[in-house]
Amino acid sequence: MIYEVKPSGHRYPVMIKAGLLGEVGEIIGSSDSPPDGVAVITDSNVWGIYGGKFTEAMSGINFTPIVLEPGEGAKSLAGLGQLYDAFAEMRLKRDGLVMTFGGGVVGDLGGFAAATWMRGVSYIQIPSTLLAQVDSSIGGKTAVNTDKGKNLAGVFYQPDMVLSDVSLLESLPPREFRCGMAEVIKYGAIRSKGLFDSIGSGSGIDALTRITFECCRIKGEIVERDEFDVGERMLLNFGHSFGHAIEKLGGYSRYNHGEAVAAGMVLAAETGEKLGLTETGAAQELREVLAVHGLAADSAYSSKEILPQMALDKKTKGDGVQLILLRRIGEAFIHNITFKELEQQLY
């Protein structure tokens, strides 16, 4: 399956297929202008499992693997500096290519490095996790975390191609797979009641291919209409304002992104119900579908702990936040609310 994302001035394919990793060298080699140097950013977990297969697929193409430590800790200014040093050592030029082979951390960090090295070099995403395949590899959001919060330093920079090999998902640890399912559930909650209701029906590669394509289609259509996240694209942040605060409180290690977003979505739905803006029962529907996929609907932190951490979120505006709420499952909207009003609802 192929979905073409068409933001302004730059269109690119998202290829979704089992076994696609074995074709990566052929795809790159078929380019009219082969890259002068290829940097492959990955982490030790992914490279330990797939490094041999990737190297075999890239036969005849000279590339330099840059293997990072796994985990959110790599997505930092220090991690970015490590990539810059590696690019300099391999003499990566503007006509070179960066490939990100891993999950959301590798994609976000590597994309930011590609966007800022020599003011921008081409890059290709090869997402290896469900979360990255259905969400973070698409749309051009790149970023690193700082000590003050998640994704605070970043830039919009679209990839030249996304190659999603769904067979890679078969090696994911259960916790990582559940993390991706939180984002799938998010897409159903904000835009497709049909997807929401069908999550969990069917299994195997065919079901994963269908789910991945549907999420890519939803995100691609939204990105095409709002590439720079000033309007409709903000709907993709459903659960994330609360979720990022939960991640930060846990030191980016207690909860992974999907687990934090799962709890954040329920908090957002409960807030909407308390405000009388969300159909009664939506939060319970979310709780039930999250439970089916082994995701907890609550975190260890109270609202009094979460709310102050939201003050540095990118979605803050003045003395409040642009919160993403549901009208009902399958329909979301942006709601501006002050921190004082939000405090009244949560405490």
Protein backbone atom coordinates (compact mmCIF):
# COMPACT_ATOMS: atom_id res chain seq x y z
CA MET A 1 0.00 0.00 0.00
CA ILE A 2 1.16 3.54 -0.73
CA TYR A 3 -0.25 6.77 0.63
CA GLU A 4 1.11 10.00 -0.79
CA VAL A 5 1.35 12.89 1.66
CA LYS A 6 1.00 16.23 -0.12
CA PRO A 7 1.90 19.17 2.11
CA SER A 8 2.56 22.47 0.35
CA GLY A 9 5.51 22.29 -2.02
CA HIS A 10 6.72 18.83 -1.02
CA ARG A 11 4.98 15.52 -1.61
CA TYR A 12 6.32 12.14 -0.58
CA PRO A 13 5.18 8.51 -0.46
CA VAL A 14 4.48 6.45 2.63
CA MET A 15 5.03 2.86 1.55
CA ILE A 16 3.41 0.22 3.79
CA LYS A 17 4.34 -3.38 3.11
CA ALA A 18 5.65 -6.49 4.85
CA GLY A 19 9.25 -7.23 3.87
CA LEU A 20 9.99 -3.68 2.73
CA LEU A 21 13.28 -3.54 4.66
CA GLY A 22 14.78 -6.01 2.20
CA GLU A 23 14.12 -3.58 -0.65
CA VAL A 24 15.61 -0.43 0.91
CA GLY A 25 18.88 -0.55 -1.05
CA GLU A 26 17.07 -1.07 -4.33
CA ILE A 27 14.76 1.86 -3.59
CA ILE A 28 17.64 4.21 -2.78
CA GLY A 29 19.78 2.94 -5.65
CA SER A 30 17.01 3.60 -8.16
CA SER A 31 17.18 7.35 -7.48
CA ASP A 32 18.08 9.62 -10.40
CA SER A 33 20.69 11.31 -8.19
CA PRO A 34 22.24 8.82 -5.74
CA PRO A 35 23.25 10.44 -2.43
CA ASP A 36 26.87 11.36 -1.74
CA GLY A 37 27.13 9.67 1.64
CA VAL A 38 24.43 7.98 3.72
CA ALA A 39 24.14 8.30 7.51
CA VAL A 40 21.90 5.67 9.10
CA ILE A 41 20.70 6.68 12.57
CA THR A 42 19.41 3.81 14.68
CA ASP A 43 19.60 2.43 18.22
CA SER A 44 21.31 -0.63 19.62
CA ASN A 45 18.06 -2.57 20.08
CA VAL A 46 16.97 -2.18 16.45
CA TRP A 47 20.47 -2.62 15.07
CA GLY A 48 21.04 -5.72 17.16
CA ILE A 49 17.99 -7.39 15.59
CA TYR A 50 17.98 -5.98 12.06
CA GLY A 51 21.49 -4.64 11.43
CA GLY A 52 22.52 -7.69 9.44
CA LYS A 53 19.39 -7.67 7.31
CA PHE A 54 19.69 -3.92 6.71
CA THR A 55 23.36 -4.23 5.71
CA GLU A 56 22.51 -7.03 3.30
CA ALA A 57 19.72 -4.95 1.76
CA MET A 58 22.11 -2.00 1.32
CA SER A 59 24.66 -4.09 -0.58
CA GLY A 60 26.62 -1.84 -2.95
CA ILE A 61 25.64 1.37 -1.13
CA ASN A 62 28.22 2.96 1.16
CA PHE A 63 26.64 3.97 4.46
CA THR A 64 27.71 4.82 8.00
CA PRO A 65 25.60 3.45 10.88
CA ILE A 66 25.27 5.73 13.91
CA VAL A 67 24.04 3.54 16.74
CA LEU A 68 22.52 5.32 19.74
CA GLU A 69 21.54 4.07 23.16
CA PRO A 70 17.80 3.24 23.15
CA GLY A 71 15.30 5.34 25.06
CA GLU A 72 14.02 8.87 25.43
CA GLY A 73 17.32 9.99 26.95
CA ALA A 74 18.96 10.02 23.51
CA LYS A 75 16.46 12.62 22.28
CA SER A 76 18.37 15.51 23.81
CA LEU A 77 20.69 18.35 22.89
CA ALA A 78 23.58 16.08 23.84
CA GLY A 79 22.24 13.38 21.52
CA LEU A 80 21.90 15.94 18.75
CA GLY A 81 25.51 17.00 19.25
CA GLN A 82 26.57 13.37 19.00
CA LEU A 83 24.92 13.16 15.57
CA TYR A 84 26.53 16.38 14.37
CA ASP A 85 29.94 15.02 15.36
CA ALA A 86 29.28 11.79 13.47
CA PHE A 87 28.12 13.73 10.37
CA ALA A 88 31.30 15.80 10.48
CA GLU A 89 33.48 12.70 10.82
CA MET A 90 31.91 11.06 7.78
CA ARG A 91 31.97 14.38 5.88
CA LEU A 92 28.24 14.35 5.20
CA LYS A 93 27.50 17.07 2.65
CA ARG A 94 24.32 18.78 1.51
CA ASP A 95 23.83 16.18 -1.22
CA GLY A 96 24.06 13.38 1.33
CA LEU A 97 21.20 11.40 2.89
CA VAL A 98 20.11 10.74 6.46
CA MET A 99 18.09 7.60 7.15
CA THR A 100 16.34 7.12 10.48
CA PHE A 101 15.84 3.45 11.30
CA GLY A 102 14.01 3.04 14.59
CA GLY A 103 11.10 4.30 16.66
CA GLY A 104 9.82 7.77 17.44
CA VAL A 105 12.91 8.85 19.38
CA VAL A 106 15.26 8.00 16.50
CA GLY A 107 12.91 9.56 13.95
CA ASP A 108 12.40 12.82 15.86
CA LEU A 109 16.09 13.23 16.72
CA GLY A 110 17.41 12.15 13.33
CA GLY A 111 14.90 14.29 11.49
CA PHE A 112 15.92 17.36 13.51
CA ALA A 113 19.59 16.62 12.79
CA ALA A 114 18.85 16.28 9.06
CA ALA A 115 16.85 19.52 9.07
CA THR A 116 19.63 21.52 10.69
CA TRP A 117 22.83 19.95 9.32
CA MET A 118 24.14 22.33 6.65
CA ARG A 119 20.66 23.91 6.74
CA GLY A 120 18.99 20.75 5.59
CA VAL A 121 19.81 17.43 3.92
CA SER A 122 17.45 14.82 2.52
CA TYR A 123 16.17 12.16 4.88
CA ILE A 124 14.14 8.97 4.79
CA GLN A 125 12.22 7.47 7.69
CA ILE A 126 12.22 3.71 8.25
CA PRO A 127 9.99 3.42 11.33
CA SER A 128 10.40 0.20 13.30
CA THR A 129 7.63 0.61 15.91
CA LEU A 130 3.87 0.79 15.63
CA LEU A 131 3.84 4.30 17.13
CA ALA A 132 6.33 5.53 14.54
CA GLN A 133 4.60 3.81 11.63
CA VAL A 134 1.13 5.14 12.40
CA ASP A 135 2.12 8.56 13.68
CA SER A 136 5.53 10.11 14.29
CA SER A 137 7.21 9.24 10.96
CA ILE A 138 4.58 11.21 9.03
CA GLY A 139 4.11 14.95 8.90
CA GLY A 140 7.57 16.40 9.40
CA LYS A 141 7.60 17.13 13.13
CA THR A 142 11.16 16.82 14.40
CA ALA A 143 12.38 17.74 17.87
CA VAL A 144 14.50 17.10 20.93
CA ASN A 145 13.60 17.36 24.60
CA THR A 146 15.16 19.83 27.00
CA ASP A 147 15.40 19.77 30.78
CA LYS A 148 12.29 21.97 30.86
CA GLY A 149 10.00 19.79 28.77
CA LYS A 150 9.32 17.46 25.86
CA ASN A 151 9.83 18.47 22.20
CA LEU A 152 10.52 22.12 23.08
CA ALA A 153 13.29 22.49 20.46
CA GLY A 154 12.24 21.42 17.00
CA VAL A 155 11.41 22.27 13.42
CA PHE A 156 8.97 21.16 10.72
CA TYR A 157 10.95 19.21 8.12
CA GLN A 158 9.26 16.71 5.82
CA PRO A 159 10.99 13.45 4.91
CA ASP A 160 11.54 12.45 1.29
CA MET A 161 10.01 9.05 1.88
CA VAL A 162 8.63 6.82 4.64
CA LEU A 163 9.21 3.07 4.35
CA SER A 164 7.00 1.17 6.81
CA ASP A 165 7.77 -2.54 6.93
CA VAL A 166 4.91 -3.90 9.04
CA SER A 167 6.72 -7.21 9.53
CA LEU A 168 9.14 -5.34 11.83
CA LEU A 169 6.28 -5.00 14.31
CA GLU A 170 6.32 -8.74 14.99
CA SER A 171 9.54 -8.34 16.99
CA LEU A 172 8.25 -5.52 19.19
CA PRO A 173 8.09 -6.16 22.94
CA PRO A 174 4.44 -6.15 24.11
CA ARG A 175 4.88 -2.86 25.98
CA GLU A 176 6.15 -1.12 22.82
CA PHE A 177 3.27 -2.51 20.78
CA ARG A 178 0.77 -1.24 23.36
CA CYS A 179 2.44 2.18 23.16
CA GLY A 180 1.62 2.31 19.45
CA MET A 181 -1.93 1.12 20.01
CA ALA A 182 -2.53 4.21 22.15
CA GLU A 183 -1.88 6.37 19.07
CA VAL A 184 -4.12 4.14 16.92
CA ILE A 185 -6.90 4.57 19.50
CA LYS A 186 -6.27 8.33 19.39
CA TYR A 187 -6.89 8.42 15.64
CA GLY A 188 -10.16 6.58 16.06
CA ALA A 189 -11.21 8.86 18.91
CA ILE A 190 -10.57 12.13 17.05
CA ARG A 191 -11.58 11.27 13.50
CA SER A 192 -12.96 7.77 12.83
CA LYS A 193 -15.57 6.01 14.93
CA GLY A 194 -15.30 3.12 12.47
CA LEU A 195 -11.58 2.72 13.18
CA PHE A 196 -12.24 3.05 16.93
CA ASP A 197 -14.87 0.31 16.86
CA SER A 198 -12.80 -2.00 14.64
CA ILE A 199 -9.57 -1.84 16.64
CA GLY A 200 -8.81 -5.35 17.76
CA SER A 201 -10.83 -7.08 15.04
CA GLY A 202 -8.52 -9.26 12.98
CA SER A 203 -4.89 -9.97 13.62
CA GLY A 204 -1.62 -10.53 11.84
CA ILE A 205 0.11 -8.67 9.03
CA ASP A 206 -3.04 -7.90 7.04
CA ALA A 207 -4.75 -6.24 10.02
CA LEU A 208 -1.61 -4.26 10.88
CA THR A 209 -1.29 -3.11 7.27
CA ARG A 210 -4.91 -1.95 7.23
CA ILE A 211 -4.65 -0.12 10.56
CA THR A 212 -1.34 1.53 9.62
CA PHE A 213 -2.70 2.71 6.28
CA GLU A 214 -5.86 4.14 7.86
CA CYS A 215 -3.90 6.09 10.46
CA CYS A 216 -1.51 7.37 7.76
CA ARG A 217 -4.47 8.45 5.66
CA ILE A 218 -6.07 10.38 8.53
CA LYS A 219 -2.82 12.07 9.51
CA GLY A 220 -1.80 12.75 5.90
CA GLU A 221 -5.07 14.48 5.09
CA ILE A 222 -4.81 16.66 8.20
CA VAL A 223 -1.16 17.55 7.52
CA GLU A 224 -1.99 18.54 3.95
CA ARG A 225 -4.53 21.06 5.23
CA ASP A 226 -2.45 22.34 8.17
CA GLU A 227 1.24 21.52 7.74
CA PHE A 228 2.50 23.87 10.45
CA ASP A 229 0.14 22.96 13.29
CA VAL A 230 -1.77 26.22 13.63
CA GLY A 231 -5.29 24.82 13.34
CA GLU A 232 -6.72 21.41 12.48
CA ARG A 233 -3.44 19.56 13.01
CA MET A 234 -3.63 20.39 16.69
CA LEU A 235 -6.38 17.75 16.94
CA LEU A 236 -3.59 15.16 16.67
CA ASN A 237 -2.51 16.31 20.14
CA PHE A 238 -5.55 14.76 21.81
CA GLY A 239 -4.35 13.49 25.20
CA HIS A 240 -0.87 14.90 24.68
CA SER A 241 -1.04 18.02 26.87
CA PHE A 242 -1.78 15.85 29.88
CA GLY A 243 0.37 13.01 28.51
CA HIS A 244 3.53 15.07 28.11
CA ALA A 245 3.14 16.29 31.70
CA ILE A 246 2.82 12.70 32.90
CA GLU A 247 5.93 11.69 30.93
CA LYS A 248 7.89 14.55 32.45
CA LEU A 249 6.75 13.74 35.99
CA GLY A 250 7.96 10.19 35.43
CA GLY A 251 11.37 11.37 34.26
CA TYR A 252 10.63 10.05 30.75
CA SER A 253 11.23 6.54 32.06
CA ARG A 254 8.32 5.50 34.29
CA TYR A 255 5.78 5.83 31.45
CA ASN A 256 6.47 5.53 27.76
CA HIS A 257 4.79 7.96 25.37
CA GLY A 258 1.79 5.78 24.58
CA GLU A 259 1.10 4.95 28.21
CA ALA A 260 1.17 8.62 29.15
CA VAL A 261 -1.05 9.59 26.20
CA ALA A 262 -3.54 6.85 27.12
CA ALA A 263 -4.01 8.36 30.57
CA GLY A 264 -4.02 11.85 29.02
CA MET A 265 -6.84 10.98 26.62
CA VAL A 266 -9.04 9.80 29.48
CA LEU A 267 -8.27 12.98 31.46
CA ALA A 268 -9.19 15.08 28.42
CA ALA A 269 -12.44 13.17 27.88
CA GLU A 270 -13.37 13.46 31.56
CA THR A 271 -12.62 17.19 31.47
CA GLY A 272 -14.84 17.60 28.42
CA GLU A 273 -17.68 15.75 30.14
CA LYS A 274 -17.36 17.91 33.26
CA LEU A 275 -17.52 21.01 31.06
CA GLY A 276 -20.64 19.66 29.33
CA LEU A 277 -18.85 19.68 25.95
CA THR A 278 -18.23 15.96 25.52
CA GLU A 279 -20.92 13.33 25.10
CA THR A 280 -21.47 11.51 28.38
CA GLY A 281 -19.83 8.10 28.36
CA ALA A 282 -16.97 8.95 26.00
CA ALA A 283 -14.39 8.67 28.77
CA GLN A 284 -15.74 5.26 29.74
CA GLU A 285 -15.59 4.09 26.10
CA LEU A 286 -11.94 5.12 26.04
CA ARG A 287 -11.25 3.34 29.30
CA GLU A 288 -12.77 0.13 27.95
CA VAL A 289 -10.89 0.06 24.65
CA LEU A 290 -7.61 0.99 26.36
CA ALA A 291 -8.13 -1.87 28.82
CA VAL A 292 -8.62 -4.32 25.95
CA HIS A 293 -5.13 -3.40 24.75
CA GLY A 294 -3.53 -3.53 28.18
CA LEU A 295 -3.26 0.23 28.61
CA ALA A 296 -3.99 1.83 31.97
CA ALA A 297 -6.43 4.74 31.91
CA ASP A 298 -4.90 6.42 34.95
CA SER A 299 -1.39 7.47 35.96
CA ALA A 300 0.23 7.58 39.39
CA TYR A 301 0.02 11.38 39.46
CA SER A 302 -2.74 13.63 40.74
CA SER A 303 -4.20 16.54 38.83
CA LYS A 304 -2.44 18.88 41.24
CA GLU A 305 0.88 17.40 40.13
CA ILE A 306 0.03 17.29 36.41
CA LEU A 307 -1.38 20.78 35.89
CA PRO A 308 1.77 22.81 36.78
CA GLN A 309 3.80 20.68 34.36
CA MET A 310 1.50 21.73 31.52
CA ALA A 311 2.58 25.37 31.78
CA LEU A 312 5.55 24.85 29.42
CA ASP A 313 3.63 22.77 26.90
CA LYS A 314 3.78 24.08 23.33
CA LYS A 315 -0.01 24.32 23.29
CA THR A 316 -0.16 26.89 26.08
CA LYS A 317 -1.59 30.25 25.10
CA GLY A 318 -1.54 33.23 27.42
CA ASP A 319 -2.84 32.12 30.80
CA GLY A 320 -4.34 28.93 29.45
CA VAL A 321 -3.98 26.02 27.08
CA GLN A 322 -5.50 24.96 23.77
CA LEU A 323 -6.95 21.67 24.94
CA ILE A 324 -8.15 19.03 22.49
CA LEU A 325 -11.55 17.70 23.55
CA LEU A 326 -14.06 15.27 22.06
CA ARG A 327 -17.62 16.08 21.10
CA ARG A 328 -18.06 12.34 20.91
CA ILE A 329 -15.90 9.37 19.89
CA GLY A 330 -14.82 10.12 16.31
CA GLU A 331 -15.08 13.92 16.52
CA ALA A 332 -12.65 16.30 18.22
CA PHE A 333 -12.28 20.06 18.53
CA ILE A 334 -9.96 22.71 20.01
CA HIS A 335 -11.06 24.34 23.24
CA ASN A 336 -9.28 27.31 24.78
CA ILE A 337 -9.37 27.10 28.56
CA THR A 338 -7.53 29.05 31.24
CA PHE A 339 -5.46 27.19 33.80
CA LYS A 340 -7.76 28.57 36.50
CA GLU A 341 -10.83 27.09 34.78
CA LEU A 342 -9.01 23.83 34.21
CA GLU A 343 -7.98 23.73 37.85
CA GLN A 344 -11.63 24.11 38.86
CA GLN A 345 -12.57 21.10 36.75
CA LEU A 346 -9.71 18.84 37.82
CA TYR A 347 -9.33 19.56 41.55
